[in-house]
Structure formats: structure tokens, C-alpha cells
PDB file of N, CA and C in Angstrom:
ATOM      1  N   MET A   1     -16.001  -2.135  27.011  1.00  0.00           N
ATOM      2  CA  MET A   1     -14.819  -1.315  26.788  1.00  0.00           C
ATOM      3  C   MET A   1     -13.756  -2.086  26.011  1.00  0.00           C
ATOM      4  N   LYS A   2     -13.530  -3.328  26.362  1.00  0.00           N
ATOM      5  CA  LYS A   2     -12.516  -4.132  25.702  1.00  0.00           C
ATOM      6  C   LYS A   2     -12.847  -4.316  24.223  1.00  0.00           C
ATOM      7  N   LEU A   3     -14.101  -4.437  23.905  1.00  0.00           N
ATOM      8  CA  LEU A   3     -14.525  -4.608  22.516  1.00  0.00           C
ATOM      9  C   LEU A   3     -14.179  -3.375  21.689  1.00  0.00           C
ATOM     10  N   GLU A   4     -14.327  -2.204  22.265  1.00  0.00           N
ATOM     11  CA  GLU A   4     -13.986  -0.963  21.566  1.00  0.00           C
ATOM     12  C   GLU A   4     -12.499  -0.912  21.243  1.00  0.00           C
ATOM     13  N   VAL A   5     -11.667  -1.330  22.183  1.00  0.00           N
ATOM     14  CA  VAL A   5     -10.224  -1.338  21.979  1.00  0.00           C
ATOM     15  C   VAL A   5      -9.862  -2.321  20.868  1.00  0.00           C
ATOM     16  N   GLN A   6     -10.466  -3.493  20.898  1.00  0.00           N
ATOM     17  CA  GLN A   6     -10.203  -4.487  19.857  1.00  0.00           C
ATOM     18  C   GLN A   6     -10.629  -3.971  18.484  1.00  0.00           C
ATOM     19  N   PHE A   7     -11.767  -3.305  18.432  1.00  0.00           N
ATOM     20  CA  PHE A   7     -12.249  -2.753  17.168  1.00  0.00           C
ATOM     21  C   PHE A   7     -11.265  -1.726  16.629  1.00  0.00           C
ATOM     22  N   LYS A   8     -10.749  -0.858  17.489  1.00  0.00           N
ATOM     23  CA  LYS A   8      -9.781   0.154  17.067  1.00  0.00           C
ATOM     24  C   LYS A   8      -8.496  -0.501  16.574  1.00  0.00           C
ATOM     25  N   GLU A   9      -8.059  -1.547  17.245  1.00  0.00           N
ATOM     26  CA  GLU A   9      -6.842  -2.248  16.835  1.00  0.00           C
ATOM     27  C   GLU A   9      -7.034  -2.904  15.469  1.00  0.00           C
ATOM     28  N   ILE A  10      -8.178  -3.528  15.268  1.00  0.00           N
ATOM     29  CA  ILE A  10      -8.469  -4.170  13.991  1.00  0.00           C
ATOM     30  C   ILE A  10      -8.567  -3.127  12.887  1.00  0.00           C
ATOM     31  N   SER A  11      -9.213  -2.025  13.182  1.00  0.00           N
ATOM     32  CA  SER A  11      -9.309  -0.934  12.198  1.00  0.00           C
ATOM     33  C   SER A  11      -7.925  -0.430  11.824  1.00  0.00           C
ATOM     34  N   SER A  12      -7.054  -0.324  12.798  1.00  0.00           N
ATOM     35  CA  SER A  12      -5.686   0.123  12.551  1.00  0.00           C
ATOM     36  C   SER A  12      -4.937  -0.879  11.676  1.00  0.00           C
ATOM     37  N   LEU A  13      -5.112  -2.154  11.941  1.00  0.00           N
ATOM     38  CA  LEU A  13      -4.475  -3.190  11.125  1.00  0.00           C
ATOM     39  C   LEU A  13      -4.946  -3.114   9.672  1.00  0.00           C
ATOM     40  N   ILE A  14      -6.227  -2.914   9.485  1.00  0.00           N
ATOM     41  CA  ILE A  14      -6.781  -2.814   8.135  1.00  0.00           C
ATOM     42  C   ILE A  14      -6.219  -1.590   7.426  1.00  0.00           C
ATOM     43  N   GLN A  15      -6.176  -0.466   8.124  1.00  0.00           N
ATOM     44  CA  GLN A  15      -5.652   0.769   7.533  1.00  0.00           C
ATOM     45  C   GLN A  15      -4.192   0.596   7.133  1.00  0.00           C
ATOM     46  N   ARG A  16      -3.409  -0.014   8.008  1.00  0.00           N
ATOM     47  CA  ARG A  16      -1.994  -0.228   7.711  1.00  0.00           C
ATOM     48  C   ARG A  16      -1.819  -1.133   6.497  1.00  0.00           C
ATOM     49  N   ALA A  17      -2.647  -2.177   6.394  1.00  0.00           N
ATOM     50  CA  ALA A  17      -2.581  -3.080   5.245  1.00  0.00           C
ATOM     51  C   ALA A  17      -2.928  -2.354   3.949  1.00  0.00           C
ATOM     52  N   LYS A  18      -3.931  -1.472   4.010  1.00  0.00           N
ATOM     53  CA  LYS A  18      -4.293  -0.677   2.834  1.00  0.00           C
ATOM     54  C   LYS A  18      -3.136   0.209   2.397  1.00  0.00           C
ATOM     55  N   GLU A  19      -2.519   0.879   3.364  1.00  0.00           N
ATOM     56  CA  GLU A  19      -1.392   1.763   3.045  1.00  0.00           C
ATOM     57  C   GLU A  19      -0.240   0.980   2.438  1.00  0.00           C
ATOM     58  N   ASN A  20       0.051  -0.189   2.993  1.00  0.00           N
ATOM     59  CA  ASN A  20       1.124  -1.027   2.449  1.00  0.00           C
ATOM     60  C   ASN A  20       0.803  -1.488   1.038  1.00  0.00           C
ATOM     61  N   SER A  21      -0.470  -1.777   0.785  1.00  0.00           N
ATOM     62  CA  SER A  21      -0.886  -2.184  -0.551  1.00  0.00           C
ATOM     63  C   SER A  21      -0.690  -1.054  -1.553  1.00  0.00           C
ATOM     64  N   PHE A  22      -1.099   0.151  -1.177  1.00  0.00           N
ATOM     65  CA  PHE A  22      -0.918   1.304  -2.062  1.00  0.00           C
ATOM     66  C   PHE A  22       0.559   1.534  -2.359  1.00  0.00           C
ATOM     67  N   LYS A  23       1.400   1.415  -1.336  1.00  0.00           N
ATOM     68  CA  LYS A  23       2.834   1.618  -1.535  1.00  0.00           C
ATOM     69  C   LYS A  23       3.404   0.570  -2.483  1.00  0.00           C
ATOM     70  N   ALA A  24       2.968  -0.670  -2.339  1.00  0.00           N
ATOM     71  CA  ALA A  24       3.467  -1.743  -3.204  1.00  0.00           C
ATOM     72  C   ALA A  24       3.058  -1.509  -4.651  1.00  0.00           C
ATOM     73  N   VAL A  25       1.823  -1.099  -4.865  1.00  0.00           N
ATOM     74  CA  VAL A  25       1.351  -0.821  -6.220  1.00  0.00           C
ATOM     75  C   VAL A  25       2.118   0.354  -6.813  1.00  0.00           C
ATOM     76  N   ASN A  26       2.296   1.417  -6.041  1.00  0.00           N
ATOM     77  CA  ASN A  26       3.037   2.573  -6.529  1.00  0.00           C
ATOM     78  C   ASN A  26       4.473   2.200  -6.880  1.00  0.00           C
ATOM     79  N   ASN A  27       5.080   1.364  -6.070  1.00  0.00           N
ATOM     80  CA  ASN A  27       6.438   0.923  -6.333  1.00  0.00           C
ATOM     81  C   ASN A  27       6.511   0.171  -7.661  1.00  0.00           C
ATOM     82  N   GLU A  28       5.573  -0.720  -7.897  1.00  0.00           N
ATOM     83  CA  GLU A  28       5.556  -1.481  -9.147  1.00  0.00           C
ATOM     84  C   GLU A  28       5.333  -0.565 -10.346  1.00  0.00           C
ATOM     85  N   LEU A  29       4.471   0.431 -10.189  1.00  0.00           N
ATOM     86  CA  LEU A  29       4.237   1.377 -11.288  1.00  0.00           C
ATOM     87  C   LEU A  29       5.506   2.171 -11.603  1.00  0.00           C
ATOM     88  N   ILE A  30       6.222   2.587 -10.573  1.00  0.00           N
ATOM     89  CA  ILE A  30       7.468   3.321 -10.790  1.00  0.00           C
ATOM     90  C   ILE A  30       8.469   2.442 -11.536  1.00  0.00           C
ATOM     91  N   LEU A  31       8.588   1.190 -11.128  1.00  0.00           N
ATOM     92  CA  LEU A  31       9.497   0.281 -11.822  1.00  0.00           C
ATOM     93  C   LEU A  31       9.068   0.078 -13.273  1.00  0.00           C
ATOM     94  N   LEU A  32       7.788  -0.018 -13.508  1.00  0.00           N
ATOM     95  CA  LEU A  32       7.270  -0.155 -14.872  1.00  0.00           C
ATOM     96  C   LEU A  32       7.645   1.048 -15.710  1.00  0.00           C
ATOM     97  N   TYR A  33       7.425   2.245 -15.169  1.00  0.00           N
ATOM     98  CA  TYR A  33       7.736   3.468 -15.912  1.00  0.00           C
ATOM     99  C   TYR A  33       9.237   3.582 -16.183  1.00  0.00           C
ATOM    100  N   LEU A  34      10.058   3.145 -15.237  1.00  0.00           N
ATOM    101  CA  LEU A  34      11.498   3.151 -15.463  1.00  0.00           C
ATOM    102  C   LEU A  34      11.877   2.216 -16.600  1.00  0.00           C
ATOM    103  N   GLU A  35      11.264   1.054 -16.629  1.00  0.00           N
ATOM    104  CA  GLU A  35      11.531   0.102 -17.713  1.00  0.00           C
ATOM    105  C   GLU A  35      11.075   0.660 -19.056  1.00  0.00           C
ATOM    106  N   ILE A  36       9.906   1.267 -19.087  1.00  0.00           N
ATOM    107  CA  ILE A  36       9.389   1.864 -20.328  1.00  0.00           C
ATOM    108  C   ILE A  36      10.326   2.995 -20.767  1.00  0.00           C
ATOM    109  N   GLY A  37      10.828   3.755 -19.803  1.00  0.00           N
ATOM    110  CA  GLY A  37      11.717   4.867 -20.100  1.00  0.00           C
ATOM    111  C   GLY A  37      13.029   4.450 -20.750  1.00  0.00           C
ATOM    112  N   LYS A  38      13.393   3.191 -20.635  1.00  0.00           N
ATOM    113  CA  LYS A  38      14.629   2.698 -21.245  1.00  0.00           C
ATOM    114  C   LYS A  38      14.508   2.598 -22.767  1.00  0.00           C
ATOM    115  N   TYR A  39      13.286   2.538 -23.285  1.00  0.00           N
ATOM    116  CA  TYR A  39      13.086   2.450 -24.722  1.00  0.00           C
ATOM    117  C   TYR A  39      13.315   3.822 -25.349  1.00  0.00           C
ATOM    118  N   LYS A  40      14.012   3.823 -26.463  1.00  0.00           N
ATOM    119  CA  LYS A  40      14.258   5.089 -27.174  1.00  0.00           C
ATOM    120  C   LYS A  40      13.233   5.192 -28.278  1.00  0.00           C
ATOM    121  N   TRP A  41      12.535   6.294 -28.300  1.00  0.00           N
ATOM    122  CA  TRP A  41      11.461   6.456 -29.287  1.00  0.00           C
ATOM    123  C   TRP A  41      12.014   7.022 -30.543  1.00  0.00           C
TER     124      TRP A  41
END
């Protein structure tokens, strides 16, 4: 039983890390697009 709980906790940690990674990448892309948007074509 304890092993199942540990597995769920580890799975949750991995999922949270993935979500944080996606958010960080999206944030950087938004900043990139804002910088590109400053150029006048």
C-alpha cells in the first residue's frame, strides 16, 4: 500500500514539473513575441 502512495506522489511531482516547464516556455515565447512586436515593418 505504501508503495502505491509513493508512486502517486512521484507521478504528481512529475506532472507538476511538466506543467511548470510548459508555463515557462510559454512565458518566454510571449516575451519573444512582444519584443518582435516592437519592430515597425
